[in-house]
N, C-alpha and C. Protein backbone atom coordinates (compact mmCIF):
# COMPACT_ATOMS: atom_id res chain seq x y z
N UNK A 1 -5.80 -8.51 -0.21
CA UNK A 1 -5.27 -8.95 1.06
C UNK A 1 -5.92 -8.13 2.16
N UNK A 2 -6.98 -8.59 2.74
CA UNK A 2 -7.63 -7.83 3.80
C UNK A 2 -6.93 -7.98 5.15
N UNK A 3 -7.19 -7.01 6.01
CA UNK A 3 -6.80 -7.13 7.41
C UNK A 3 -7.94 -7.86 8.11
N UNK A 4 -7.59 -8.74 9.02
CA UNK A 4 -8.57 -9.53 9.77
C UNK A 4 -8.38 -9.20 11.25
N UNK A 5 -9.49 -8.96 11.94
CA UNK A 5 -9.43 -8.68 13.38
C UNK A 5 -10.23 -9.75 14.11
N UNK A 6 -9.56 -10.42 15.02
CA UNK A 6 -10.18 -11.51 15.78
C UNK A 6 -11.10 -10.96 16.86
N UNK A 7 -12.10 -11.75 17.28
CA UNK A 7 -12.99 -11.32 18.36
C UNK A 7 -12.23 -11.06 19.66
N UNK A 8 -11.16 -11.81 19.88
CA UNK A 8 -10.31 -11.62 21.06
C UNK A 8 -9.16 -10.70 20.62
N UNK A 9 -9.17 -9.47 21.12
CA UNK A 9 -8.20 -8.47 20.67
C UNK A 9 -6.78 -8.74 21.12
N UNK A 10 -6.58 -9.75 21.96
CA UNK A 10 -5.21 -10.12 22.38
C UNK A 10 -4.75 -11.41 21.68
N UNK A 11 -5.54 -11.89 20.72
CA UNK A 11 -5.27 -13.09 19.95
C UNK A 11 -3.86 -13.02 19.34
N UNK A 12 -2.98 -13.95 19.65
CA UNK A 12 -1.62 -13.95 19.10
C UNK A 12 -1.19 -15.39 18.84
N UNK A 13 -1.39 -15.86 17.62
CA UNK A 13 -0.94 -17.18 17.25
C UNK A 13 -0.94 -17.29 15.73
N UNK A 14 -0.43 -18.41 15.22
CA UNK A 14 -0.38 -18.65 13.79
C UNK A 14 -1.41 -19.71 13.46
N UNK A 15 -2.44 -19.33 12.72
CA UNK A 15 -3.52 -20.26 12.36
C UNK A 15 -3.43 -20.57 10.87
N UNK A 16 -2.95 -21.74 10.53
CA UNK A 16 -2.89 -22.14 9.13
C UNK A 16 -2.07 -21.19 8.27
N UNK A 17 -0.97 -20.68 8.82
CA UNK A 17 -0.14 -19.76 8.06
C UNK A 17 -0.57 -18.31 8.16
N UNK A 18 -1.60 -18.05 8.95
CA UNK A 18 -2.06 -16.67 9.15
C UNK A 18 -1.63 -16.25 10.55
N UNK A 19 -0.66 -15.35 10.62
CA UNK A 19 -0.09 -14.94 11.90
C UNK A 19 -0.87 -13.76 12.47
N UNK A 20 -1.41 -13.95 13.67
CA UNK A 20 -2.13 -12.89 14.37
C UNK A 20 -1.21 -12.22 15.38
N UNK A 21 -1.26 -10.89 15.44
CA UNK A 21 -0.52 -10.09 16.40
C UNK A 21 -1.52 -9.15 17.06
N UNK A 22 -1.68 -9.26 18.39
CA UNK A 22 -2.64 -8.42 19.12
C UNK A 22 -4.03 -8.46 18.46
N UNK A 23 -4.42 -9.63 18.00
CA UNK A 23 -5.76 -9.81 17.43
C UNK A 23 -5.90 -9.41 15.99
N UNK A 24 -4.80 -9.07 15.30
CA UNK A 24 -4.88 -8.63 13.90
C UNK A 24 -3.96 -9.47 13.01
N UNK A 25 -4.41 -9.68 11.77
CA UNK A 25 -3.62 -10.41 10.77
C UNK A 25 -3.93 -9.83 9.40
N UNK A 26 -3.06 -10.11 8.44
CA UNK A 26 -3.31 -9.72 7.05
C UNK A 26 -3.27 -10.97 6.20
N UNK A 27 -4.26 -11.11 5.34
CA UNK A 27 -4.34 -12.28 4.47
C UNK A 27 -4.08 -11.88 3.03
N UNK A 28 -3.30 -12.66 2.29
CA UNK A 28 -3.14 -12.40 0.86
C UNK A 28 -4.47 -12.53 0.13
N UNK A 29 -4.66 -11.73 -0.91
CA UNK A 29 -5.90 -11.78 -1.69
C UNK A 29 -6.09 -13.20 -2.22
N UNK A 30 -7.30 -13.72 -2.06
CA UNK A 30 -7.63 -15.06 -2.54
C UNK A 30 -7.13 -16.19 -1.65
N UNK A 31 -6.60 -15.90 -0.48
CA UNK A 31 -6.09 -16.93 0.44
C UNK A 31 -7.20 -17.92 0.77
N UNK A 32 -6.86 -19.20 0.80
CA UNK A 32 -7.85 -20.26 1.02
C UNK A 32 -8.56 -20.12 2.36
N UNK A 33 -7.92 -19.51 3.36
CA UNK A 33 -8.52 -19.39 4.69
C UNK A 33 -9.51 -18.23 4.81
N UNK A 34 -9.58 -17.37 3.80
CA UNK A 34 -10.41 -16.18 3.91
C UNK A 34 -11.86 -16.49 4.31
N UNK A 35 -12.52 -17.50 3.73
CA UNK A 35 -13.90 -17.78 4.16
C UNK A 35 -14.03 -18.11 5.65
N UNK A 36 -12.99 -18.68 6.24
CA UNK A 36 -13.04 -19.01 7.67
C UNK A 36 -13.10 -17.76 8.53
N UNK A 37 -12.35 -16.73 8.13
CA UNK A 37 -12.27 -15.49 8.91
C UNK A 37 -13.40 -14.55 8.48
N UNK A 38 -14.62 -14.90 8.85
CA UNK A 38 -15.79 -14.13 8.41
C UNK A 38 -16.50 -13.49 9.61
N UNK A 39 -17.38 -12.56 9.29
CA UNK A 39 -18.18 -11.90 10.33
C UNK A 39 -19.02 -12.93 11.09
N UNK A 40 -19.48 -13.95 10.38
CA UNK A 40 -20.30 -14.98 11.02
C UNK A 40 -19.52 -15.71 12.12
N UNK A 41 -18.22 -15.72 12.01
CA UNK A 41 -17.38 -16.37 13.03
C UNK A 41 -16.79 -15.37 14.00
N UNK A 42 -17.27 -14.12 13.94
CA UNK A 42 -16.86 -13.11 14.90
C UNK A 42 -15.67 -12.26 14.49
N UNK A 43 -15.16 -12.46 13.28
CA UNK A 43 -14.02 -11.67 12.81
C UNK A 43 -14.50 -10.42 12.09
N UNK A 44 -13.73 -9.33 12.20
CA UNK A 44 -13.96 -8.13 11.40
C UNK A 44 -12.97 -8.17 10.25
N UNK A 45 -13.48 -7.96 9.02
CA UNK A 45 -12.64 -7.99 7.83
C UNK A 45 -12.60 -6.59 7.25
N UNK A 46 -11.39 -6.09 7.00
CA UNK A 46 -11.19 -4.75 6.45
C UNK A 46 -10.35 -4.84 5.19
N UNK A 47 -10.97 -4.59 4.03
CA UNK A 47 -10.28 -4.69 2.75
C UNK A 47 -9.58 -3.39 2.35
N UNK A 48 -9.55 -2.39 3.21
CA UNK A 48 -8.96 -1.10 2.85
C UNK A 48 -7.43 -1.12 2.84
N UNK A 49 -6.83 -2.02 3.58
CA UNK A 49 -5.37 -2.13 3.66
C UNK A 49 -4.98 -3.56 3.28
N UNK A 50 -3.74 -3.71 2.83
CA UNK A 50 -3.29 -5.03 2.42
C UNK A 50 -2.11 -5.55 3.21
N UNK A 51 -1.84 -4.90 4.30
CA UNK A 51 -0.79 -5.34 5.22
C UNK A 51 -1.11 -4.72 6.57
N UNK A 52 -0.55 -5.30 7.61
CA UNK A 52 -0.75 -4.71 8.92
C UNK A 52 -0.01 -3.37 9.01
N UNK A 53 -0.59 -2.45 9.74
CA UNK A 53 0.03 -1.15 9.98
C UNK A 53 0.52 -1.13 11.42
N UNK A 54 1.33 -0.16 11.79
CA UNK A 54 1.76 -0.07 13.19
C UNK A 54 0.57 0.04 14.16
N UNK A 55 -0.52 0.66 13.73
CA UNK A 55 -1.69 0.77 14.61
C UNK A 55 -2.28 -0.60 14.93
N UNK A 56 -2.27 -1.50 13.93
CA UNK A 56 -2.87 -2.83 14.11
C UNK A 56 -2.18 -3.64 15.20
N UNK A 57 -0.91 -3.37 15.43
CA UNK A 57 -0.15 -4.17 16.38
C UNK A 57 -0.17 -3.59 17.80
N UNK A 58 -0.88 -2.48 17.98
CA UNK A 58 -1.04 -1.92 19.32
C UNK A 58 -2.16 -2.64 20.06
N UNK A 59 -2.07 -2.67 21.36
CA UNK A 59 -3.15 -3.24 22.16
C UNK A 59 -4.35 -2.31 22.10
N UNK A 60 -5.50 -2.82 22.45
CA UNK A 60 -6.71 -1.99 22.47
C UNK A 60 -6.56 -0.86 23.49
N UNK A 61 -5.95 -1.14 24.64
CA UNK A 61 -5.74 -0.10 25.65
C UNK A 61 -4.87 1.03 25.09
N UNK A 62 -3.81 0.67 24.36
CA UNK A 62 -2.94 1.68 23.75
C UNK A 62 -3.69 2.48 22.68
N UNK A 63 -4.49 1.79 21.88
CA UNK A 63 -5.28 2.47 20.85
C UNK A 63 -6.27 3.45 21.48
N UNK A 64 -6.90 3.01 22.58
CA UNK A 64 -7.85 3.89 23.27
C UNK A 64 -7.15 5.15 23.78
N UNK A 65 -5.95 4.97 24.35
CA UNK A 65 -5.19 6.12 24.85
C UNK A 65 -4.82 7.06 23.70
N UNK A 66 -4.38 6.49 22.59
CA UNK A 66 -3.99 7.29 21.43
C UNK A 66 -5.20 8.04 20.88
N UNK A 67 -6.33 7.36 20.74
CA UNK A 67 -7.54 8.00 20.22
C UNK A 67 -7.99 9.14 21.12
N UNK A 68 -7.97 8.91 22.43
CA UNK A 68 -8.36 9.95 23.38
C UNK A 68 -7.41 11.13 23.28
N UNK A 69 -6.11 10.87 23.17
CA UNK A 69 -5.11 11.93 23.04
C UNK A 69 -5.37 12.76 21.78
N UNK A 70 -5.83 12.10 20.71
CA UNK A 70 -6.09 12.78 19.44
C UNK A 70 -7.44 13.49 19.43
N UNK A 71 -8.21 13.34 20.51
CA UNK A 71 -9.51 14.02 20.59
C UNK A 71 -10.64 13.23 19.97
N UNK A 72 -10.45 11.95 19.76
CA UNK A 72 -11.49 11.10 19.18
C UNK A 72 -12.37 10.58 20.31
N UNK A 73 -13.67 10.70 20.14
CA UNK A 73 -14.61 10.18 21.12
C UNK A 73 -14.77 8.68 20.91
N UNK A 74 -14.48 7.92 21.91
CA UNK A 74 -14.58 6.47 21.82
C UNK A 74 -16.03 6.02 22.01
N UNK A 75 -16.43 5.02 21.23
CA UNK A 75 -17.75 4.42 21.35
C UNK A 75 -17.54 3.06 22.01
N UNK A 76 -18.09 2.85 23.21
CA UNK A 76 -17.81 1.61 23.95
C UNK A 76 -18.07 0.32 23.17
N UNK A 77 -19.05 0.32 22.29
CA UNK A 77 -19.38 -0.91 21.55
C UNK A 77 -18.43 -1.17 20.38
N UNK A 78 -17.60 -0.20 20.03
CA UNK A 78 -16.70 -0.37 18.88
C UNK A 78 -15.62 -1.39 19.17
N UNK A 79 -15.25 -2.13 18.14
CA UNK A 79 -14.14 -3.07 18.24
C UNK A 79 -12.84 -2.40 17.84
N UNK A 80 -11.79 -3.18 17.84
CA UNK A 80 -10.46 -2.66 17.52
C UNK A 80 -10.44 -2.03 16.13
N UNK A 81 -11.05 -2.67 15.16
CA UNK A 81 -11.07 -2.14 13.79
C UNK A 81 -11.68 -0.75 13.74
N UNK A 82 -12.81 -0.53 14.42
CA UNK A 82 -13.46 0.78 14.38
C UNK A 82 -12.58 1.87 14.99
N UNK A 83 -11.89 1.54 16.08
CA UNK A 83 -11.01 2.53 16.71
C UNK A 83 -9.85 2.86 15.78
N UNK A 84 -9.28 1.84 15.14
CA UNK A 84 -8.19 2.07 14.19
C UNK A 84 -8.67 2.93 13.02
N UNK A 85 -9.85 2.63 12.47
CA UNK A 85 -10.36 3.42 11.33
C UNK A 85 -10.66 4.86 11.77
N UNK A 86 -11.09 5.06 13.02
CA UNK A 86 -11.29 6.43 13.52
C UNK A 86 -9.96 7.18 13.55
N UNK A 87 -8.91 6.52 14.01
CA UNK A 87 -7.58 7.15 14.06
C UNK A 87 -7.09 7.41 12.64
N UNK A 88 -7.23 6.42 11.76
CA UNK A 88 -6.82 6.59 10.36
C UNK A 88 -7.61 7.72 9.70
N UNK A 89 -8.88 7.84 10.06
CA UNK A 89 -9.71 8.92 9.51
C UNK A 89 -9.22 10.29 9.91
N UNK A 90 -8.83 10.44 11.17
CA UNK A 90 -8.32 11.72 11.63
C UNK A 90 -6.98 12.04 10.95
N UNK A 91 -6.13 11.05 10.83
CA UNK A 91 -4.86 11.24 10.12
C UNK A 91 -5.14 11.64 8.67
N UNK A 92 -6.13 11.00 8.07
CA UNK A 92 -6.48 11.26 6.68
C UNK A 92 -6.93 12.70 6.45
N UNK A 93 -7.60 13.31 7.43
CA UNK A 93 -8.06 14.69 7.25
C UNK A 93 -6.88 15.63 7.07
N UNK A 94 -5.70 15.24 7.53
CA UNK A 94 -4.52 16.08 7.40
C UNK A 94 -3.64 15.70 6.22
N UNK A 95 -3.70 14.45 5.77
CA UNK A 95 -2.76 13.99 4.76
C UNK A 95 -3.37 13.68 3.40
N UNK A 96 -4.65 13.33 3.35
CA UNK A 96 -5.28 12.95 2.08
C UNK A 96 -5.51 14.18 1.21
N UNK A 97 -4.90 14.20 0.03
CA UNK A 97 -5.09 15.31 -0.89
C UNK A 97 -6.50 15.33 -1.45
N UNK A 98 -7.02 16.53 -1.69
CA UNK A 98 -8.37 16.69 -2.25
C UNK A 98 -8.28 16.80 -3.77
N UNK A 99 -9.02 15.95 -4.47
CA UNK A 99 -9.09 16.01 -5.92
C UNK A 99 -10.42 16.63 -6.34
N UNK A 100 -10.38 17.48 -7.35
CA UNK A 100 -11.60 18.07 -7.91
C UNK A 100 -12.00 17.22 -9.10
N UNK A 101 -13.08 16.47 -8.95
CA UNK A 101 -13.53 15.50 -9.95
C UNK A 101 -14.81 16.01 -10.60
N UNK A 102 -14.88 15.92 -11.93
CA UNK A 102 -16.10 16.33 -12.64
C UNK A 102 -16.49 15.26 -13.66
N UNK A 103 -17.77 14.89 -13.63
CA UNK A 103 -18.33 13.95 -14.60
C UNK A 103 -19.28 14.73 -15.50
N UNK A 104 -19.00 14.70 -16.80
CA UNK A 104 -19.81 15.43 -17.78
C UNK A 104 -20.28 14.44 -18.83
N UNK A 105 -21.56 14.54 -19.21
CA UNK A 105 -22.11 13.63 -20.22
C UNK A 105 -21.28 13.69 -21.50
N UNK A 106 -21.00 12.51 -22.05
CA UNK A 106 -20.25 12.43 -23.31
C UNK A 106 -21.06 13.11 -24.40
N UNK A 107 -20.37 13.69 -25.35
CA UNK A 107 -21.05 14.43 -26.42
C UNK A 107 -21.84 13.58 -27.37
N UNK A 108 -21.42 12.34 -27.63
CA UNK A 108 -22.08 11.52 -28.64
C UNK A 108 -22.44 10.10 -28.21
N UNK A 109 -21.75 9.55 -27.23
CA UNK A 109 -21.95 8.15 -26.86
C UNK A 109 -22.96 8.01 -25.72
N UNK A 110 -24.09 7.41 -26.03
CA UNK A 110 -25.16 7.22 -25.04
C UNK A 110 -24.67 6.32 -23.91
N UNK A 111 -24.92 6.75 -22.66
CA UNK A 111 -24.53 5.98 -21.49
C UNK A 111 -23.09 6.22 -21.05
N UNK A 112 -22.41 7.14 -21.71
CA UNK A 112 -21.00 7.41 -21.39
C UNK A 112 -20.83 8.79 -20.75
N UNK A 113 -19.79 8.89 -19.94
CA UNK A 113 -19.43 10.14 -19.29
C UNK A 113 -17.94 10.38 -19.49
N UNK A 114 -17.54 11.64 -19.45
CA UNK A 114 -16.12 12.00 -19.48
C UNK A 114 -15.78 12.51 -18.08
N UNK A 115 -14.83 11.87 -17.45
CA UNK A 115 -14.43 12.23 -16.08
C UNK A 115 -13.09 12.95 -16.13
N UNK A 116 -13.04 14.11 -15.49
CA UNK A 116 -11.79 14.88 -15.43
C UNK A 116 -11.41 15.14 -13.98
N UNK A 117 -10.11 15.25 -13.78
CA UNK A 117 -9.55 15.62 -12.47
C UNK A 117 -8.73 16.88 -12.71
N UNK A 118 -9.03 17.94 -11.97
CA UNK A 118 -8.36 19.22 -12.16
C UNK A 118 -6.88 19.17 -11.78
N UNK A 119 -6.56 18.56 -10.66
CA UNK A 119 -5.19 18.56 -10.15
C UNK A 119 -4.31 17.61 -10.96
N UNK A 120 -3.06 18.04 -11.19
CA UNK A 120 -2.08 17.20 -11.90
C UNK A 120 -1.62 16.07 -10.99
N UNK A 121 -1.28 14.96 -11.60
CA UNK A 121 -0.72 13.83 -10.86
C UNK A 121 0.69 14.17 -10.36
N UNK A 122 1.06 13.56 -9.24
CA UNK A 122 2.39 13.73 -8.66
C UNK A 122 3.28 12.60 -9.14
N UNK A 123 4.44 12.93 -9.68
CA UNK A 123 5.40 11.91 -10.09
C UNK A 123 4.79 10.89 -11.03
N UNK A 124 4.97 9.61 -10.68
CA UNK A 124 4.46 8.53 -11.54
C UNK A 124 3.09 8.02 -11.08
N UNK A 125 2.46 8.72 -10.15
CA UNK A 125 1.15 8.28 -9.64
C UNK A 125 0.13 8.18 -10.77
N UNK A 126 -0.94 7.45 -10.50
CA UNK A 126 -2.02 7.24 -11.47
C UNK A 126 -3.36 7.53 -10.81
N UNK A 127 -4.38 7.68 -11.65
CA UNK A 127 -5.76 7.81 -11.16
C UNK A 127 -6.47 6.48 -11.32
N UNK A 128 -7.29 6.15 -10.34
CA UNK A 128 -8.19 4.99 -10.42
C UNK A 128 -9.55 5.44 -9.91
N UNK A 129 -10.59 4.70 -10.31
CA UNK A 129 -11.93 5.09 -9.88
C UNK A 129 -12.75 3.88 -9.45
N UNK A 130 -13.78 4.20 -8.67
CA UNK A 130 -14.75 3.20 -8.23
C UNK A 130 -16.10 3.91 -8.15
N UNK A 131 -17.17 3.19 -8.44
CA UNK A 131 -18.50 3.78 -8.37
C UNK A 131 -19.39 3.01 -7.41
N UNK A 132 -20.47 3.66 -7.01
CA UNK A 132 -21.48 3.03 -6.17
C UNK A 132 -22.82 3.67 -6.53
N UNK A 133 -23.90 2.92 -6.41
CA UNK A 133 -25.21 3.43 -6.80
C UNK A 133 -25.66 4.61 -5.95
N UNK A 134 -25.34 4.62 -4.66
CA UNK A 134 -25.89 5.67 -3.79
C UNK A 134 -24.86 6.45 -2.98
N UNK A 135 -23.73 5.85 -2.64
CA UNK A 135 -22.74 6.53 -1.79
C UNK A 135 -21.37 6.48 -2.44
N UNK A 136 -20.73 7.64 -2.54
CA UNK A 136 -19.38 7.68 -3.10
C UNK A 136 -18.43 6.93 -2.18
N UNK A 137 -17.63 6.00 -2.73
CA UNK A 137 -16.62 5.35 -1.90
C UNK A 137 -15.74 6.40 -1.23
N UNK A 138 -15.39 6.17 0.03
CA UNK A 138 -14.65 7.17 0.80
C UNK A 138 -13.36 6.57 1.38
N UNK A 139 -12.34 6.41 0.55
CA UNK A 139 -11.08 5.86 1.07
C UNK A 139 -10.36 6.85 1.97
N UNK A 140 -9.48 6.32 2.80
CA UNK A 140 -8.65 7.14 3.67
C UNK A 140 -7.22 7.14 3.15
N UNK A 141 -6.44 8.08 3.62
CA UNK A 141 -5.03 8.15 3.25
C UNK A 141 -4.35 6.83 3.61
N UNK A 142 -3.62 6.27 2.65
CA UNK A 142 -2.91 5.02 2.89
C UNK A 142 -3.72 3.78 2.61
N UNK A 143 -5.03 3.92 2.34
CA UNK A 143 -5.79 2.76 1.90
C UNK A 143 -5.21 2.31 0.56
N UNK A 144 -5.58 1.11 0.13
CA UNK A 144 -5.03 0.55 -1.10
C UNK A 144 -6.09 0.49 -2.18
N UNK A 145 -5.76 1.05 -3.34
CA UNK A 145 -6.63 0.93 -4.52
C UNK A 145 -6.31 -0.43 -5.15
N UNK A 146 -7.10 -1.43 -4.78
CA UNK A 146 -6.84 -2.79 -5.24
C UNK A 146 -7.52 -3.05 -6.58
N UNK A 147 -7.75 -4.31 -6.90
CA UNK A 147 -8.33 -4.68 -8.20
C UNK A 147 -9.78 -4.23 -8.36
N UNK A 148 -10.42 -3.79 -7.28
CA UNK A 148 -11.81 -3.29 -7.41
C UNK A 148 -11.84 -1.84 -7.90
N UNK A 149 -10.67 -1.18 -7.95
CA UNK A 149 -10.54 0.17 -8.50
C UNK A 149 -10.05 0.03 -9.93
N UNK A 150 -10.64 0.81 -10.84
CA UNK A 150 -10.31 0.72 -12.26
C UNK A 150 -9.47 1.91 -12.71
N UNK A 151 -8.58 1.71 -13.70
CA UNK A 151 -7.74 2.80 -14.19
C UNK A 151 -8.58 3.92 -14.83
N UNK A 152 -8.11 5.15 -14.65
CA UNK A 152 -8.80 6.31 -15.24
C UNK A 152 -7.77 7.23 -15.87
N UNK A 153 -8.06 7.65 -17.10
CA UNK A 153 -7.28 8.70 -17.73
C UNK A 153 -8.15 9.94 -17.72
N UNK A 154 -7.74 10.94 -16.95
CA UNK A 154 -8.52 12.16 -16.80
C UNK A 154 -8.80 12.79 -18.16
N UNK A 155 -10.09 13.08 -18.42
CA UNK A 155 -10.49 13.75 -19.65
C UNK A 155 -10.46 12.91 -20.89
N UNK A 156 -10.29 11.58 -20.77
CA UNK A 156 -10.23 10.71 -21.95
C UNK A 156 -11.47 10.90 -22.81
N UNK A 157 -11.27 11.24 -24.07
CA UNK A 157 -12.39 11.58 -24.95
C UNK A 157 -13.31 10.41 -25.24
N UNK A 158 -12.80 9.18 -25.11
CA UNK A 158 -13.66 8.02 -25.33
C UNK A 158 -14.70 7.85 -24.24
N UNK A 159 -14.42 8.41 -23.05
CA UNK A 159 -15.34 8.34 -21.94
C UNK A 159 -15.39 6.98 -21.28
N UNK A 160 -16.27 6.89 -20.29
CA UNK A 160 -16.48 5.65 -19.53
C UNK A 160 -17.97 5.40 -19.49
N UNK A 161 -18.36 4.15 -19.66
CA UNK A 161 -19.78 3.80 -19.60
C UNK A 161 -20.18 3.64 -18.13
N UNK A 162 -20.97 4.60 -17.64
CA UNK A 162 -21.43 4.60 -16.25
C UNK A 162 -22.88 5.06 -16.20
N UNK A 163 -23.53 4.77 -15.10
CA UNK A 163 -24.94 5.08 -14.93
C UNK A 163 -25.13 6.47 -14.32
N UNK A 164 -25.96 7.27 -14.99
CA UNK A 164 -26.28 8.61 -14.47
C UNK A 164 -26.83 8.50 -13.06
N UNK A 165 -26.37 9.37 -12.18
CA UNK A 165 -26.84 9.40 -10.80
C UNK A 165 -26.01 8.59 -9.84
N UNK A 166 -25.23 7.63 -10.36
CA UNK A 166 -24.33 6.88 -9.47
C UNK A 166 -23.24 7.82 -8.98
N UNK A 167 -22.57 7.43 -7.93
CA UNK A 167 -21.48 8.23 -7.36
C UNK A 167 -20.15 7.65 -7.82
N UNK A 168 -19.22 8.53 -8.18
CA UNK A 168 -17.89 8.10 -8.60
C UNK A 168 -16.86 8.75 -7.69
N UNK A 169 -15.90 7.94 -7.26
CA UNK A 169 -14.75 8.44 -6.51
C UNK A 169 -13.51 8.15 -7.33
N UNK A 170 -12.66 9.17 -7.46
CA UNK A 170 -11.39 9.03 -8.15
C UNK A 170 -10.29 9.22 -7.11
N UNK A 171 -9.28 8.35 -7.16
CA UNK A 171 -8.15 8.47 -6.25
C UNK A 171 -6.86 8.66 -7.05
N UNK A 172 -5.89 9.30 -6.40
CA UNK A 172 -4.53 9.33 -6.90
C UNK A 172 -3.77 8.33 -6.06
N UNK A 173 -3.04 7.43 -6.72
CA UNK A 173 -2.34 6.39 -5.97
C UNK A 173 -1.04 5.99 -6.65
N UNK A 174 -0.21 5.30 -5.88
CA UNK A 174 1.03 4.76 -6.40
C UNK A 174 0.68 3.63 -7.38
N UNK A 175 1.30 3.61 -8.57
CA UNK A 175 0.92 2.60 -9.57
C UNK A 175 1.31 1.17 -9.19
N UNK A 176 2.27 1.01 -8.30
CA UNK A 176 2.73 -0.34 -7.92
C UNK A 176 2.02 -0.83 -6.66
N UNK A 177 2.02 0.00 -5.62
CA UNK A 177 1.46 -0.43 -4.33
C UNK A 177 -0.02 -0.13 -4.20
N UNK A 178 -0.54 0.84 -4.97
CA UNK A 178 -1.93 1.25 -4.83
C UNK A 178 -2.18 2.19 -3.67
N UNK A 179 -1.13 2.61 -2.96
CA UNK A 179 -1.24 3.49 -1.79
C UNK A 179 -1.92 4.79 -2.18
N UNK A 180 -3.07 5.09 -1.58
CA UNK A 180 -3.89 6.25 -1.94
C UNK A 180 -3.38 7.50 -1.22
N UNK A 181 -3.16 8.58 -2.01
CA UNK A 181 -2.70 9.85 -1.45
C UNK A 181 -3.67 11.00 -1.70
N UNK A 182 -4.67 10.79 -2.57
CA UNK A 182 -5.64 11.84 -2.86
C UNK A 182 -6.96 11.22 -3.29
N UNK A 183 -8.05 11.98 -3.09
CA UNK A 183 -9.38 11.44 -3.40
C UNK A 183 -10.36 12.57 -3.67
N UNK A 184 -11.31 12.32 -4.55
CA UNK A 184 -12.39 13.26 -4.81
C UNK A 184 -13.55 12.52 -5.45
N UNK A 185 -14.73 13.12 -5.44
CA UNK A 185 -15.88 12.41 -6.02
C UNK A 185 -16.85 13.37 -6.68
N UNK A 186 -17.79 12.78 -7.42
CA UNK A 186 -18.84 13.54 -8.11
C UNK A 186 -20.00 12.58 -8.36
N UNK A 187 -21.09 13.15 -8.83
CA UNK A 187 -22.23 12.35 -9.27
C UNK A 187 -22.11 12.16 -10.77
N UNK A 188 -22.30 10.95 -11.24
CA UNK A 188 -22.12 10.63 -12.65
C UNK A 188 -23.20 11.29 -13.50
N UNK A 189 -22.76 11.89 -14.60
CA UNK A 189 -23.67 12.44 -15.61
C UNK A 189 -23.30 11.78 -16.93
N UNK A 190 -24.15 10.86 -17.43
CA UNK A 190 -23.90 10.17 -18.69
C UNK A 190 -24.87 10.68 -19.75
N UNK A 191 -24.48 10.56 -21.00
CA UNK A 191 -25.34 10.99 -22.10
C UNK A 191 -26.58 10.10 -22.16
N UNK A 192 -27.72 10.73 -22.20
CA UNK A 192 -28.97 10.00 -22.29
C UNK A 192 -29.31 9.65 -23.74
N UNK A 193 -30.30 8.76 -23.90
CA UNK A 193 -30.76 8.39 -25.23
C UNK A 193 -31.51 9.56 -25.85
N UNK A 194 -31.39 9.67 -27.16
CA UNK A 194 -32.08 10.77 -27.86
C UNK A 194 -33.38 10.33 -28.44
């Protein structure tokens, strides 16, 4: 369920069951209208959250005032989404827990790595991971670990089949909502062929 930001930041109407407030809406994952709300049509799509936040419902003028108050330098060409992500980023520097993640080549299985997280999980939270060939995914506090994030058991002896040199990010999140509270990353080290 991505957040959608209209080109007109004061956009407020219901389009095919998609309610916009101050130019922002949230779409359920797989919603039939999702292809319509594309960058080609001037919309900004943000898959990091799955519901509108209080920031999304503020006017651009209010967001600019809040960002300036927080010491964020505004970029004139930025849209509403960029300003919100800047604010969320600053909040994240204070609230997102740091995870110490290590990827070590598996002892026997070629192409596999064993990923461990030093910090213990809080309550019923779980670990999930995502990889990228060149840049570690960088979620912010409160982003959602959706279906593109895979479950991880820290130190699982069976390991995970991943490509050496790729970047892995592990998050701690709520098992039901996916709400991310901690994050860390490493470069993947998988066992090579002998």
